[in-house]
C-alpha cells in the first residue's frame, strides 16, 4: 500500500498492474508503456465539466494528446475532430489509446464497456456509474483486458485535502459534520438528467463531500439514517440529511441542499482527540483549531490526469466505490419526503 498522495491500495481502492493486453484488444498500443510518448486520448461528452476542466487539463499536460471527441455538440473549445458516437470516434482515430467519459452517469456503463472491449484505457468522471454493480463489472472487465480503469473523485485532489489527510492520520476521530449546499440553478443549469433516476439529484455534488470524508477516515463508514427531500415533479432528491457511523463510535452528520441562496457552502468539520480539522470551499482551504494552513497550489483535474497517466503506464485499475456505496445505501434505507415541485 502506498501513501495517500500516491496510487492507493487497500480495502476501498484496488490497484492492479497487468500484463500487456491480449491480441483481441486491437486498439491498445504498445506505446502506452512508453513514458516519452504522449497518450492519445479522446473525450466523450462536451458538457460543462469537459469544457471547464477536462479539456484545459489535457491540453496543458504533455503526457496526453487530445485527438478527438464524441459528442452531440457542434462546437469544441479546441480544434479536434468531433464524432456523433464513441464507435465512430474509435473507427476514425488510428492509434487512439484512451478515453475520458464525461457523460451523465446513466449511460456511462455501456460506453465504458465498449471502450474496454476495443482495447482502450478508460477514465470515468464522477460518479463512476449509475449503480455500484455495473462499476464493479467494469473493474473486472478492465482487469481481464489488462487495461487501465480510473474511477475519479476530483474533490479528493482539492488543494487542502492532502494536508488534511496527513494531519488526521493516526488521530482518534470523535465526530464530524458536513454541510454541502449550493444553488442548483447556478451550478447545474439545464442539466435535466440530474433529476432522472440514476442522476442522483443533490447527491451529484454531495458525493464530492463523501469522497473527501471516506479518504480522510481510515475506518469504513456506513449510513445509519437518511432523509431524502424529493420534489413532487422529479425523481431525485433536492436535499438530504444523513447520519454516518464507522462502528467505533464515530458519527458524521451530513446536510446536503440544492436550494441554497447566495454563496455556496462546502464545508467539512472533523473533531479528533488532538484538535479540530475544518475543510472549506470544497477542500480548497484547511483550518486546524481555527488557524489556516497553507494548501497546495495544484488543482484537482491536473492531478487526476497525472494519476491516470501513471495508471495507463501500469495498465492498472483504481476503483474506489466507498462514496457511491454511501449514496446507494442512503437511497436504500432513506425516508422519502415529497416537497414542493422544482422548476428550472
C-alpha atoms as a PDB file:
ATOM      1  CA  UNK A   1       0.000   0.000   0.000  1.00  0.00           C
ATOM      2  CA  UNK A   2       1.332   3.391  -0.950  1.00  0.00           C
ATOM      3  CA  UNK A   3       0.740   6.691   0.826  1.00  0.00           C
ATOM      4  CA  UNK A   4      -2.412   8.733   0.470  1.00  0.00           C
ATOM      5  CA  UNK A   5      -0.865  11.051  -2.074  1.00  0.00           C
ATOM      6  CA  UNK A   6       0.111   8.174  -4.371  1.00  0.00           C
ATOM      7  CA  UNK A   7      -1.849   5.396  -6.029  1.00  0.00           C
ATOM      8  CA  UNK A   8      -3.831   3.914  -3.191  1.00  0.00           C
ATOM      9  CA  UNK A   9      -4.469   0.286  -2.473  1.00  0.00           C
ATOM     10  CA  UNK A  10      -6.445  -1.296   0.330  1.00  0.00           C
ATOM     11  CA  UNK A  11      -9.982  -2.290   1.201  1.00  0.00           C
ATOM     12  CA  UNK A  12     -11.629   0.616  -0.646  1.00  0.00           C
ATOM     13  CA  UNK A  13      -9.261   1.061  -3.585  1.00  0.00           C
ATOM     14  CA  UNK A  14      -7.964  -1.527  -5.993  1.00  0.00           C
ATOM     15  CA  UNK A  15      -4.729  -1.100  -7.923  1.00  0.00           C
ATOM     16  CA  UNK A  16      -3.908  -3.978 -10.207  1.00  0.00           C
ATOM     17  CA  UNK A  17      -0.978  -3.839 -12.576  1.00  0.00           C
ATOM     18  CA  UNK A  18      -1.479  -6.020 -15.625  1.00  0.00           C
ATOM     19  CA  UNK A  19       0.429  -7.726 -18.391  1.00  0.00           C
ATOM     20  CA  UNK A  20       0.327  -6.460 -21.993  1.00  0.00           C
ATOM     21  CA  UNK A  21      -3.155  -6.739 -23.498  1.00  0.00           C
ATOM     22  CA  UNK A  22      -4.258  -9.824 -25.417  1.00  0.00           C
ATOM     23  CA  UNK A  23      -4.324  -9.726 -29.196  1.00  0.00           C
ATOM     24  CA  UNK A  24      -8.115  -9.236 -29.181  1.00  0.00           C
ATOM     25  CA  UNK A  25      -7.662  -5.756 -27.720  1.00  0.00           C
ATOM     26  CA  UNK A  26      -6.560  -4.463 -31.094  1.00  0.00           C
ATOM     27  CA  UNK A  27      -6.879  -0.750 -30.325  1.00  0.00           C
ATOM     28  CA  UNK A  28      -4.403  -0.778 -27.431  1.00  0.00           C
ATOM     29  CA  UNK A  29      -0.946   0.352 -28.473  1.00  0.00           C
ATOM     30  CA  UNK A  30       2.389  -0.699 -27.070  1.00  0.00           C
ATOM     31  CA  UNK A  31       3.179   2.999 -26.695  1.00  0.00           C
ATOM     32  CA  UNK A  32       1.030   3.066 -23.543  1.00  0.00           C
ATOM     33  CA  UNK A  33       4.113   1.964 -21.607  1.00  0.00           C
ATOM     34  CA  UNK A  34       6.427   4.496 -23.277  1.00  0.00           C
ATOM     35  CA  UNK A  35       6.866   7.450 -20.930  1.00  0.00           C
ATOM     36  CA  UNK A  36       8.244   9.640 -23.720  1.00  0.00           C
ATOM     37  CA  UNK A  37       5.217   9.252 -25.983  1.00  0.00           C
ATOM     38  CA  UNK A  38       2.017  11.199 -25.215  1.00  0.00           C
ATOM     39  CA  UNK A  39      -1.058   9.103 -24.620  1.00  0.00           C
ATOM     40  CA  UNK A  40      -3.543   9.626 -27.459  1.00  0.00           C
ATOM     41  CA  UNK A  41      -6.859  10.274 -25.734  1.00  0.00           C
ATOM     42  CA  UNK A  42     -10.397  11.079 -26.819  1.00  0.00           C
ATOM     43  CA  UNK A  43     -13.127  12.656 -24.738  1.00  0.00           C
ATOM     44  CA  UNK A  44     -16.772  11.564 -24.707  1.00  0.00           C
ATOM     45  CA  UNK A  45     -19.274  14.268 -23.802  1.00  0.00           C
ATOM     46  CA  UNK A  46     -18.627  18.008 -24.104  1.00  0.00           C
ATOM     47  CA  UNK A  47     -20.713  19.361 -21.271  1.00  0.00           C
ATOM     48  CA  UNK A  48     -19.739  21.958 -18.695  1.00  0.00           C
ATOM     49  CA  UNK A  49     -17.245  19.796 -16.800  1.00  0.00           C
ATOM     50  CA  UNK A  50     -15.448  18.807 -20.013  1.00  0.00           C
ATOM     51  CA  UNK A  51     -15.113  22.376 -21.198  1.00  0.00           C
ATOM     52  CA  UNK A  52     -14.215  23.854 -17.797  1.00  0.00           C
ATOM     53  CA  UNK A  53     -11.870  21.144 -16.500  1.00  0.00           C
ATOM     54  CA  UNK A  54     -11.026  18.155 -18.694  1.00  0.00           C
ATOM     55  CA  UNK A  55     -10.053  19.901 -21.903  1.00  0.00           C
ATOM     56  CA  UNK A  56      -7.850  22.588 -20.251  1.00  0.00           C
ATOM     57  CA  UNK A  57      -6.137  19.921 -18.132  1.00  0.00           C
ATOM     58  CA  UNK A  58      -5.497  17.616 -21.076  1.00  0.00           C
ATOM     59  CA  UNK A  59      -4.193  20.309 -23.396  1.00  0.00           C
ATOM     60  CA  UNK A  60      -1.797  21.546 -20.685  1.00  0.00           C
ATOM     61  CA  UNK A  61      -0.414  18.078 -19.875  1.00  0.00           C
ATOM     62  CA  UNK A  62       2.451  16.858 -22.098  1.00  0.00           C
ATOM     63  CA  UNK A  63       1.659  13.278 -21.103  1.00  0.00           C
ATOM     64  CA  UNK A  64      -1.520  13.425 -23.203  1.00  0.00           C
ATOM     65  CA  UNK A  65      -2.512  14.332 -26.741  1.00  0.00           C
ATOM     66  CA  UNK A  66      -6.218  15.136 -27.072  1.00  0.00           C
ATOM     67  CA  UNK A  67      -7.060  13.881 -30.569  1.00  0.00           C
ATOM     68  CA  UNK A  68     -10.871  13.627 -30.856  1.00  0.00           C
ATOM     69  CA  UNK A  69     -14.233  13.935 -29.129  1.00  0.00           C
ATOM     70  CA  UNK A  70     -17.542  12.090 -29.312  1.00  0.00           C
ATOM     71  CA  UNK A  71     -20.402  14.488 -28.662  1.00  0.00           C
ATOM     72  CA  UNK A  72     -23.785  15.718 -29.793  1.00  0.00           C
ATOM     73  CA  UNK A  73     -22.397  19.255 -29.632  1.00  0.00           C
ATOM     74  CA  UNK A  74     -21.301  21.015 -32.794  1.00  0.00           C
ATOM     75  CA  UNK A  75     -18.645  23.115 -31.085  1.00  0.00           C
ATOM     76  CA  UNK A  76     -15.473  22.404 -29.116  1.00  0.00           C
ATOM     77  CA  UNK A  77     -13.013  24.754 -27.373  1.00  0.00           C
ATOM     78  CA  UNK A  78     -10.092  23.116 -29.220  1.00  0.00           C
ATOM     79  CA  UNK A  79      -9.595  22.178 -32.864  1.00  0.00           C
ATOM     80  CA  UNK A  80     -10.136  18.420 -32.875  1.00  0.00           C
ATOM     81  CA  UNK A  81     -12.442  16.175 -34.938  1.00  0.00           C
ATOM     82  CA  UNK A  82     -15.936  15.660 -33.483  1.00  0.00           C
ATOM     83  CA  UNK A  83     -17.929  12.458 -33.942  1.00  0.00           C
ATOM     84  CA  UNK A  84     -21.534  11.658 -33.016  1.00  0.00           C
ATOM     85  CA  UNK A  85     -20.721   8.359 -31.273  1.00  0.00           C
ATOM     86  CA  UNK A  86     -17.869   6.674 -29.457  1.00  0.00           C
ATOM     87  CA  UNK A  87     -17.792   3.890 -32.041  1.00  0.00           C
ATOM     88  CA  UNK A  88     -17.360   6.353 -34.889  1.00  0.00           C
ATOM     89  CA  UNK A  89     -14.619   8.182 -32.996  1.00  0.00           C
ATOM     90  CA  UNK A  90     -12.716   4.938 -32.426  1.00  0.00           C
ATOM     91  CA  UNK A  91     -13.070   3.841 -36.054  1.00  0.00           C
ATOM     92  CA  UNK A  92     -11.851   7.195 -37.395  1.00  0.00           C
ATOM     93  CA  UNK A  93      -8.947   7.732 -34.966  1.00  0.00           C
ATOM     94  CA  UNK A  94      -5.922   5.490 -35.603  1.00  0.00           C
ATOM     95  CA  UNK A  95      -3.761   4.888 -32.553  1.00  0.00           C
ATOM     96  CA  UNK A  96      -6.369   6.008 -30.039  1.00  0.00           C
ATOM     97  CA  UNK A  97      -5.289   4.676 -26.643  1.00  0.00           C
ATOM     98  CA  UNK A  98      -7.640   6.073 -24.005  1.00  0.00           C
ATOM     99  CA  UNK A  99     -10.943   7.833 -23.455  1.00  0.00           C
ATOM    100  CA  UNK A 100     -12.296  10.128 -20.756  1.00  0.00           C
ATOM    101  CA  UNK A 101     -16.017   9.547 -20.245  1.00  0.00           C
ATOM    102  CA  UNK A 102     -17.719  12.786 -19.171  1.00  0.00           C
ATOM    103  CA  UNK A 103     -21.323  11.905 -19.944  1.00  0.00           C
ATOM    104  CA  UNK A 104     -24.165  11.671 -17.400  1.00  0.00           C
ATOM    105  CA  UNK A 105     -23.741   8.513 -15.289  1.00  0.00           C
ATOM    106  CA  UNK A 106     -26.840   6.772 -16.652  1.00  0.00           C
ATOM    107  CA  UNK A 107     -25.141   5.991 -19.996  1.00  0.00           C
ATOM    108  CA  UNK A 108     -21.574   5.557 -18.823  1.00  0.00           C
ATOM    109  CA  UNK A 109     -21.521   1.770 -18.341  1.00  0.00           C
ATOM    110  CA  UNK A 110     -22.293   0.974 -21.984  1.00  0.00           C
ATOM    111  CA  UNK A 111     -19.687   3.466 -23.184  1.00  0.00           C
ATOM    112  CA  UNK A 112     -17.010   2.190 -20.793  1.00  0.00           C
ATOM    113  CA  UNK A 113     -17.716  -1.413 -21.763  1.00  0.00           C
ATOM    114  CA  UNK A 114     -17.432  -0.565 -25.460  1.00  0.00           C
ATOM    115  CA  UNK A 115     -14.159   1.274 -24.898  1.00  0.00           C
ATOM    116  CA  UNK A 116     -12.606  -1.503 -22.816  1.00  0.00           C
ATOM    117  CA  UNK A 117     -13.694  -4.154 -25.299  1.00  0.00           C
ATOM    118  CA  UNK A 118     -11.981  -2.139 -28.036  1.00  0.00           C
ATOM    119  CA  UNK A 119      -8.751  -2.089 -26.039  1.00  0.00           C
ATOM    120  CA  UNK A 120      -8.889   1.462 -24.678  1.00  0.00           C
ATOM    121  CA  UNK A 121      -7.912   2.687 -21.228  1.00  0.00           C
ATOM    122  CA  UNK A 122     -10.821   4.471 -19.519  1.00  0.00           C
ATOM    123  CA  UNK A 123     -11.182   7.416 -17.161  1.00  0.00           C
ATOM    124  CA  UNK A 124     -14.617   7.820 -15.555  1.00  0.00           C
ATOM    125  CA  UNK A 125     -15.860  11.214 -14.387  1.00  0.00           C
ATOM    126  CA  UNK A 126     -17.637  11.058 -11.030  1.00  0.00           C
ATOM    127  CA  UNK A 127     -19.888   9.379 -10.106  1.00  0.00           C
ATOM    128  CA  UNK A 128     -18.370   6.407 -11.966  1.00  0.00           C
ATOM    129  CA  UNK A 129     -21.741   4.921 -12.870  1.00  0.00           C
ATOM    130  CA  UNK A 130     -25.427   4.744 -12.109  1.00  0.00           C
ATOM    131  CA  UNK A 131     -25.074   1.635  -9.910  1.00  0.00           C
ATOM    132  CA  UNK A 132     -22.412   0.003  -7.768  1.00  0.00           C
ATOM    133  CA  UNK A 133     -22.628  -3.370  -9.512  1.00  0.00           C
ATOM    134  CA  UNK A 134     -22.057  -2.003 -13.008  1.00  0.00           C
ATOM    135  CA  UNK A 135     -18.841  -0.273 -11.943  1.00  0.00           C
ATOM    136  CA  UNK A 136     -17.654  -3.459 -10.246  1.00  0.00           C
ATOM    137  CA  UNK A 137     -18.246  -5.271 -13.536  1.00  0.00           C
ATOM    138  CA  UNK A 138     -16.224  -2.652 -15.395  1.00  0.00           C
ATOM    139  CA  UNK A 139     -13.329  -3.104 -12.949  1.00  0.00           C
ATOM    140  CA  UNK A 140     -13.366  -6.859 -13.554  1.00  0.00           C
ATOM    141  CA  UNK A 141     -13.534  -6.303 -17.319  1.00  0.00           C
ATOM    142  CA  UNK A 142     -10.572  -3.901 -17.226  1.00  0.00           C
ATOM    143  CA  UNK A 143      -8.525  -6.442 -15.269  1.00  0.00           C
ATOM    144  CA  UNK A 144      -9.417  -9.170 -17.747  1.00  0.00           C
ATOM    145  CA  UNK A 145      -8.290  -6.960 -20.643  1.00  0.00           C
ATOM    146  CA  UNK A 146      -5.169  -5.724 -18.779  1.00  0.00           C
ATOM    147  CA  UNK A 147      -6.277  -2.117 -19.239  1.00  0.00           C
ATOM    148  CA  UNK A 148      -6.368   0.949 -17.010  1.00  0.00           C
ATOM    149  CA  UNK A 149      -9.670   1.983 -15.449  1.00  0.00           C
ATOM    150  CA  UNK A 150      -9.784   5.053 -13.211  1.00  0.00           C
ATOM    151  CA  UNK A 151     -12.932   5.952 -11.284  1.00  0.00           C
ATOM    152  CA  UNK A 152     -12.114   9.553 -10.443  1.00  0.00           C
ATOM    153  CA  UNK A 153     -13.128  11.588  -7.398  1.00  0.00           C
ATOM    154  CA  UNK A 154     -11.931  15.083  -8.247  1.00  0.00           C
ATOM    155  CA  UNK A 155     -12.629  16.590  -4.809  1.00  0.00           C
ATOM    156  CA  UNK A 156     -10.052  14.250  -3.256  1.00  0.00           C
ATOM    157  CA  UNK A 157      -7.484  16.193  -5.275  1.00  0.00           C
ATOM    158  CA  UNK A 158      -8.604  19.591  -3.930  1.00  0.00           C
ATOM    159  CA  UNK A 159      -5.648  21.715  -2.765  1.00  0.00           C
ATOM    160  CA  UNK A 160      -6.047  21.246   1.008  1.00  0.00           C
ATOM    161  CA  UNK A 161      -7.133  17.598   1.094  1.00  0.00           C
ATOM    162  CA  UNK A 162      -3.622  16.046   1.067  1.00  0.00           C
ATOM    163  CA  UNK A 163      -2.586  18.181   4.066  1.00  0.00           C
ATOM    164  CA  UNK A 164      -5.807  17.261   5.848  1.00  0.00           C
ATOM    165  CA  UNK A 165      -5.075  13.566   5.303  1.00  0.00           C
ATOM    166  CA  UNK A 166      -1.568  13.973   6.689  1.00  0.00           C
ATOM    167  CA  UNK A 167      -2.769  15.845   9.779  1.00  0.00           C
ATOM    168  CA  UNK A 168      -5.579  13.435  10.671  1.00  0.00           C
ATOM    169  CA  UNK A 169      -3.542  10.246  10.204  1.00  0.00           C
ATOM    170  CA  UNK A 170      -3.253   8.339  13.480  1.00  0.00           C
ATOM    171  CA  UNK A 171      -5.667  10.569  15.395  1.00  0.00           C
ATOM    172  CA  UNK A 172      -8.849   9.319  17.053  1.00  0.00           C
ATOM    173  CA  UNK A 173     -11.885  10.770  15.302  1.00  0.00           C
ATOM    174  CA  UNK A 174     -14.787  11.570  17.618  1.00  0.00           C
ATOM    175  CA  UNK A 175     -17.417  13.230  15.461  1.00  0.00           C
ATOM    176  CA  UNK A 176     -17.857  15.260  12.333  1.00  0.00           C
ATOM    177  CA  UNK A 177     -20.240  17.310  10.243  1.00  0.00           C
ATOM    178  CA  UNK A 178     -20.648  18.010   6.541  1.00  0.00           C
ATOM    179  CA  UNK A 179     -22.560  20.982   5.151  1.00  0.00           C
ATOM    180  CA  UNK A 180     -22.756  20.912   1.348  1.00  0.00           C
ATOM    181  CA  UNK A 181     -25.207  23.469  -0.010  1.00  0.00           C
ATOM    182  CA  UNK A 182     -25.375  25.182  -3.389  1.00  0.00           C
ATOM    183  CA  UNK A 183     -27.829  26.718  -5.834  1.00  0.00           C
ATOM    184  CA  UNK A 184     -28.751  24.085  -8.419  1.00  0.00           C
ATOM    185  CA  UNK A 185     -29.754  26.764 -10.928  1.00  0.00           C
ATOM    186  CA  UNK A 186     -26.281  28.298 -10.732  1.00  0.00           C
ATOM    187  CA  UNK A 187     -24.191  25.123 -10.762  1.00  0.00           C
ATOM    188  CA  UNK A 188     -26.327  22.768 -12.852  1.00  0.00           C
ATOM    189  CA  UNK A 189     -28.289  24.932 -15.302  1.00  0.00           C
ATOM    190  CA  UNK A 190     -30.318  22.943 -17.802  1.00  0.00           C
ATOM    191  CA  UNK A 191     -28.993  19.592 -16.567  1.00  0.00           C
ATOM    192  CA  UNK A 192     -32.289  17.732 -16.577  1.00  0.00           C
ATOM    193  CA  UNK A 193     -30.507  14.359 -16.326  1.00  0.00           C
ATOM    194  CA  UNK A 194     -29.620  15.128 -12.710  1.00  0.00           C
ATOM    195  CA  UNK A 195     -33.310  14.797 -11.745  1.00  0.00           C
ATOM    196  CA  UNK A 196     -33.824  11.481 -13.525  1.00  0.00           C
ATOM    197  CA  UNK A 197     -33.342   8.002 -11.998  1.00  0.00           C
ATOM    198  CA  UNK A 198     -29.603   7.444 -11.710  1.00  0.00           C
ATOM    199  CA  UNK A 199     -28.872  11.175 -11.829  1.00  0.00           C
ATOM    200  CA  UNK A 200     -28.523  11.392  -8.003  1.00  0.00           C
ATOM    201  CA  UNK A 201     -30.047  14.862  -7.556  1.00  0.00           C
ATOM    202  CA  UNK A 202     -28.342  16.680  -4.685  1.00  0.00           C
ATOM    203  CA  UNK A 203     -26.021  13.705  -4.244  1.00  0.00           C
ATOM    204  CA  UNK A 204     -24.283  14.603  -7.513  1.00  0.00           C
ATOM    205  CA  UNK A 205     -22.389  17.384  -5.699  1.00  0.00           C
ATOM    206  CA  UNK A 206     -22.890  15.754  -2.289  1.00  0.00           C
ATOM    207  CA  UNK A 207     -20.870  12.728  -3.329  1.00  0.00           C
ATOM    208  CA  UNK A 208     -17.879  15.077  -3.579  1.00  0.00           C
ATOM    209  CA  UNK A 209     -18.094  15.614   0.174  1.00  0.00           C
ATOM    210  CA  UNK A 210     -18.472  11.889   0.784  1.00  0.00           C
ATOM    211  CA  UNK A 211     -15.407  11.214  -1.364  1.00  0.00           C
ATOM    212  CA  UNK A 212     -13.322  13.520   0.856  1.00  0.00           C
ATOM    213  CA  UNK A 213     -14.683  12.089   4.116  1.00  0.00           C
ATOM    214  CA  UNK A 214     -14.042   8.494   3.026  1.00  0.00           C
ATOM    215  CA  UNK A 215     -10.474   9.444   2.162  1.00  0.00           C
ATOM    216  CA  UNK A 216      -9.882  11.270   5.450  1.00  0.00           C
ATOM    217  CA  UNK A 217     -11.154   8.497   7.724  1.00  0.00           C
ATOM    218  CA  UNK A 218      -9.393   5.149   7.933  1.00  0.00           C
ATOM    219  CA  UNK A 219     -12.458   3.164   9.028  1.00  0.00           C
ATOM    220  CA  UNK A 220     -15.307   2.248   6.700  1.00  0.00           C
ATOM    221  CA  UNK A 221     -18.371   4.432   7.060  1.00  0.00           C
ATOM    222  CA  UNK A 222     -21.969   3.321   6.718  1.00  0.00           C
ATOM    223  CA  UNK A 223     -25.335   5.077   6.691  1.00  0.00           C
ATOM    224  CA  UNK A 224     -27.440   4.766   9.839  1.00  0.00           C
ATOM    225  CA  UNK A 225     -30.196   7.242   8.903  1.00  0.00           C
ATOM    226  CA  UNK A 226     -31.218   9.202   5.813  1.00  0.00           C
ATOM    227  CA  UNK A 227     -33.994  11.618   4.927  1.00  0.00           C
ATOM    228  CA  UNK A 228     -34.397  12.497   1.246  1.00  0.00           C
ATOM    229  CA  UNK A 229     -36.446  15.530   0.153  1.00  0.00           C
ATOM    230  CA  UNK A 230     -37.790  14.864  -3.345  1.00  0.00           C
ATOM    231  CA  UNK A 231     -39.704  17.464  -5.396  1.00  0.00           C
ATOM    232  CA  UNK A 232     -43.151  16.224  -6.364  1.00  0.00           C
ATOM    233  CA  UNK A 233     -42.347  16.557 -10.077  1.00  0.00           C
ATOM    234  CA  UNK A 234     -38.847  14.999 -10.018  1.00  0.00           C
ATOM    235  CA  UNK A 235     -37.238  11.595  -9.421  1.00  0.00           C
ATOM    236  CA  UNK A 236     -34.207  12.578  -7.333  1.00  0.00           C
ATOM    237  CA  UNK A 237     -33.724  14.481  -4.052  1.00  0.00           C
ATOM    238  CA  UNK A 238     -33.220  18.223  -3.877  1.00  0.00           C
ATOM    239  CA  UNK A 239     -31.949  17.965  -0.267  1.00  0.00           C
ATOM    240  CA  UNK A 240     -30.909  15.237   2.162  1.00  0.00           C
ATOM    241  CA  UNK A 241     -29.785  14.666   5.732  1.00  0.00           C
ATOM    242  CA  UNK A 242     -27.634  11.654   6.619  1.00  0.00           C
ATOM    243  CA  UNK A 243     -26.092  10.177   9.704  1.00  0.00           C
ATOM    244  CA  UNK A 244     -22.928   8.148   9.136  1.00  0.00           C
ATOM    245  CA  UNK A 245     -21.066   5.875  11.563  1.00  0.00           C
ATOM    246  CA  UNK A 246     -17.895   3.809  11.466  1.00  0.00           C
ATOM    247  CA  UNK A 247     -18.586   1.049  14.008  1.00  0.00           C
ATOM    248  CA  UNK A 248     -16.183   2.557  16.536  1.00  0.00           C
ATOM    249  CA  UNK A 249     -18.392   5.292  17.935  1.00  0.00           C
ATOM    250  CA  UNK A 250     -17.672   7.989  15.384  1.00  0.00           C
ATOM    251  CA  UNK A 251     -20.692   9.831  13.986  1.00  0.00           C
ATOM    252  CA  UNK A 252     -20.801  12.161  10.992  1.00  0.00           C
ATOM    253  CA  UNK A 253     -23.828  14.362  10.306  1.00  0.00           C
ATOM    254  CA  UNK A 254     -24.343  15.311   6.657  1.00  0.00           C
ATOM    255  CA  UNK A 255     -26.598  18.086   5.317  1.00  0.00           C
ATOM    256  CA  UNK A 256     -26.972  18.472   1.539  1.00  0.00           C
ATOM    257  CA  UNK A 257     -29.153  21.067  -0.165  1.00  0.00           C
ATOM    258  CA  UNK A 258     -29.677  22.314  -3.726  1.00  0.00           C
ATOM    259  CA  UNK A 259     -31.859  25.216  -2.532  1.00  0.00           C
ATOM    260  CA  UNK A 260     -29.058  27.423  -1.225  1.00  0.00           C
ATOM    261  CA  UNK A 261     -29.459  31.094  -1.993  1.00  0.00           C
ATOM    262  CA  UNK A 262     -26.393  33.268  -2.117  1.00  0.00           C
ATOM    263  CA  UNK A 263     -22.907  31.910  -1.601  1.00  0.00           C
ATOM    264  CA  UNK A 264     -22.450  28.153  -1.646  1.00  0.00           C
ATOM    265  CA  UNK A 265     -21.259  26.305   1.459  1.00  0.00           C
ATOM    266  CA  UNK A 266     -18.988  23.287   1.013  1.00  0.00           C
ATOM    267  CA  UNK A 267     -17.562  22.574   4.485  1.00  0.00           C
ATOM    268  CA  UNK A 268     -16.350  19.522   6.409  1.00  0.00           C
ATOM    269  CA  UNK A 269     -15.559  19.559  10.148  1.00  0.00           C
ATOM    270  CA  UNK A 270     -13.840  16.675  11.934  1.00  0.00           C
ATOM    271  CA  UNK A 271     -13.255  16.658  15.720  1.00  0.00           C
ATOM    272  CA  UNK A 272     -10.404  14.472  16.952  1.00  0.00           C
ATOM    273  CA  UNK A 273      -8.603  13.766  20.215  1.00  0.00           C
ATOM    274  CA  UNK A 274      -5.907  16.222  19.103  1.00  0.00           C
ATOM    275  CA  UNK A 275      -7.963  19.099  17.782  1.00  0.00           C
ATOM    276  CA  UNK A 276     -10.413  20.131  15.102  1.00  0.00           C
ATOM    277  CA  UNK A 277      -9.954  19.990  11.338  1.00  0.00           C
ATOM    278  CA  UNK A 278     -12.119  22.124   9.026  1.00  0.00           C
ATOM    279  CA  UNK A 279     -12.064  21.981   5.236  1.00  0.00           C
ATOM    280  CA  UNK A 280     -13.807  24.852   3.468  1.00  0.00           C
ATOM    281  CA  UNK A 281     -14.580  25.665  -0.130  1.00  0.00           C
ATOM    282  CA  UNK A 282     -14.868  22.038  -1.180  1.00  0.00           C
ATOM    283  CA  UNK A 283     -11.394  21.247   0.120  1.00  0.00           C
ATOM    284  CA  UNK A 284      -9.687  24.414  -1.061  1.00  0.00           C
ATOM    285  CA  UNK A 285      -8.914  25.761   2.441  1.00  0.00           C
ATOM    286  CA  UNK A 286      -7.831  23.963   5.602  1.00  0.00           C
ATOM    287  CA  UNK A 287      -8.049  25.164   9.203  1.00  0.00           C
ATOM    288  CA  UNK A 288      -6.610  23.346  12.224  1.00  0.00           C
ATOM    289  CA  UNK A 289      -8.093  24.587  15.510  1.00  0.00           C
ATOM    290  CA  UNK A 290      -9.150  27.754  13.716  1.00  0.00           C
ATOM    291  CA  UNK A 291      -5.732  28.516  12.241  1.00  0.00           C
ATOM    292  CA  UNK A 292      -5.410  28.466   8.421  1.00  0.00           C
ATOM    293  CA  UNK A 293      -2.944  26.041   6.822  1.00  0.00           C
ATOM    294  CA  UNK A 294      -1.298  26.846   3.512  1.00  0.00           C
ATOM    295  CA  UNK A 295      -2.655  24.490   0.857  1.00  0.00           C
ATOM    296  CA  UNK A 296      -1.062  23.082  -2.276  1.00  0.00           C
ATOM    297  CA  UNK A 297      -1.144  25.185  -5.414  1.00  0.00           C
ATOM    298  CA  UNK A 298      -2.022  22.148  -7.559  1.00  0.00           C
ATOM    299  CA  UNK A 299      -5.524  21.905  -8.981  1.00  0.00           C
ATOM    300  CA  UNK A 300      -7.899  18.950  -8.997  1.00  0.00           C
ATOM    301  CA  UNK A 301      -8.088  17.849 -12.618  1.00  0.00           C
ATOM    302  CA  UNK A 302      -4.379  18.171 -13.482  1.00  0.00           C
ATOM    303  CA  UNK A 303      -3.727  15.878 -10.501  1.00  0.00           C
ATOM    304  CA  UNK A 304      -6.335  13.412 -11.778  1.00  0.00           C
ATOM    305  CA  UNK A 305      -4.698  13.233 -15.180  1.00  0.00           C
ATOM    306  CA  UNK A 306      -1.267  12.846 -13.648  1.00  0.00           C
ATOM    307  CA  UNK A 307      -2.630   9.793 -11.833  1.00  0.00           C
ATOM    308  CA  UNK A 308      -4.403   8.468 -14.922  1.00  0.00           C
ATOM    309  CA  UNK A 309      -1.167   8.662 -16.913  1.00  0.00           C
ATOM    310  CA  UNK A 310       0.535   6.523 -14.268  1.00  0.00           C
ATOM    311  CA  UNK A 311      -2.322   4.012 -14.369  1.00  0.00           C
ATOM    312  CA  UNK A 312      -2.112   3.784 -18.149  1.00  0.00           C
ATOM    313  CA  UNK A 313       1.631   3.093 -17.992  1.00  0.00           C
ATOM    314  CA  UNK A 314       0.973   0.346 -15.424  1.00  0.00           C
ATOM    315  CA  UNK A 315      -2.244  -0.932 -17.071  1.00  0.00           C
ATOM    316  CA  UNK A 316      -3.786  -0.719 -13.605  1.00  0.00           C
ATOM    317  CA  UNK A 317      -7.246  -0.384 -12.090  1.00  0.00           C
ATOM    318  CA  UNK A 318      -8.101   2.265  -9.480  1.00  0.00           C
ATOM    319  CA  UNK A 319     -11.742   1.953  -8.463  1.00  0.00           C
ATOM    320  CA  UNK A 320     -12.891   3.076  -5.005  1.00  0.00           C
ATOM    321  CA  UNK A 321     -16.640   2.726  -4.625  1.00  0.00           C
ATOM    322  CA  UNK A 322     -16.933   3.855  -0.990  1.00  0.00           C
ATOM    323  CA  UNK A 323     -18.597   7.220  -1.831  1.00  0.00           C
ATOM    324  CA  UNK A 324     -21.051   5.645  -4.283  1.00  0.00           C
ATOM    325  CA  UNK A 325     -21.949   2.907  -1.786  1.00  0.00           C
ATOM    326  CA  UNK A 326     -22.884   5.530   0.807  1.00  0.00           C
ATOM    327  CA  UNK A 327     -25.200   7.201  -1.703  1.00  0.00           C
ATOM    328  CA  UNK A 328     -26.723   3.865  -2.701  1.00  0.00           C
ATOM    329  CA  UNK A 329     -27.330   2.975   0.946  1.00  0.00           C
ATOM    330  CA  UNK A 330     -28.924   6.355   1.596  1.00  0.00           C
ATOM    331  CA  UNK A 331     -31.375   5.659  -1.218  1.00  0.00           C
ATOM    332  CA  UNK A 332     -31.900   2.139   0.138  1.00  0.00           C
ATOM    333  CA  UNK A 333     -32.753   2.995   3.764  1.00  0.00           C
ATOM    334  CA  UNK A 334     -33.734   6.645   3.432  1.00  0.00           C
ATOM    335  CA  UNK A 335     -37.132   8.072   4.297  1.00  0.00           C
ATOM    336  CA  UNK A 336     -38.531   9.883   1.259  1.00  0.00           C
ATOM    337  CA  UNK A 337     -40.351  13.161   1.842  1.00  0.00           C
ATOM    338  CA  UNK A 338     -42.257  14.794  -1.009  1.00  0.00           C
ATOM    339  CA  UNK A 339     -41.625  18.545  -1.180  1.00  0.00           C
ATOM    340  CA  UNK A 340     -42.687  21.401  -3.438  1.00  0.00           C
ATOM    341  CA  UNK A 341     -42.108  20.984  -7.192  1.00  0.00           C
ATOM    342  CA  UNK A 342     -38.838  22.140  -8.709  1.00  0.00           C
ATOM    343  CA  UNK A 343     -38.955  24.234 -11.881  1.00  0.00           C
ATOM    344  CA  UNK A 344     -35.817  25.283 -13.741  1.00  0.00           C
END
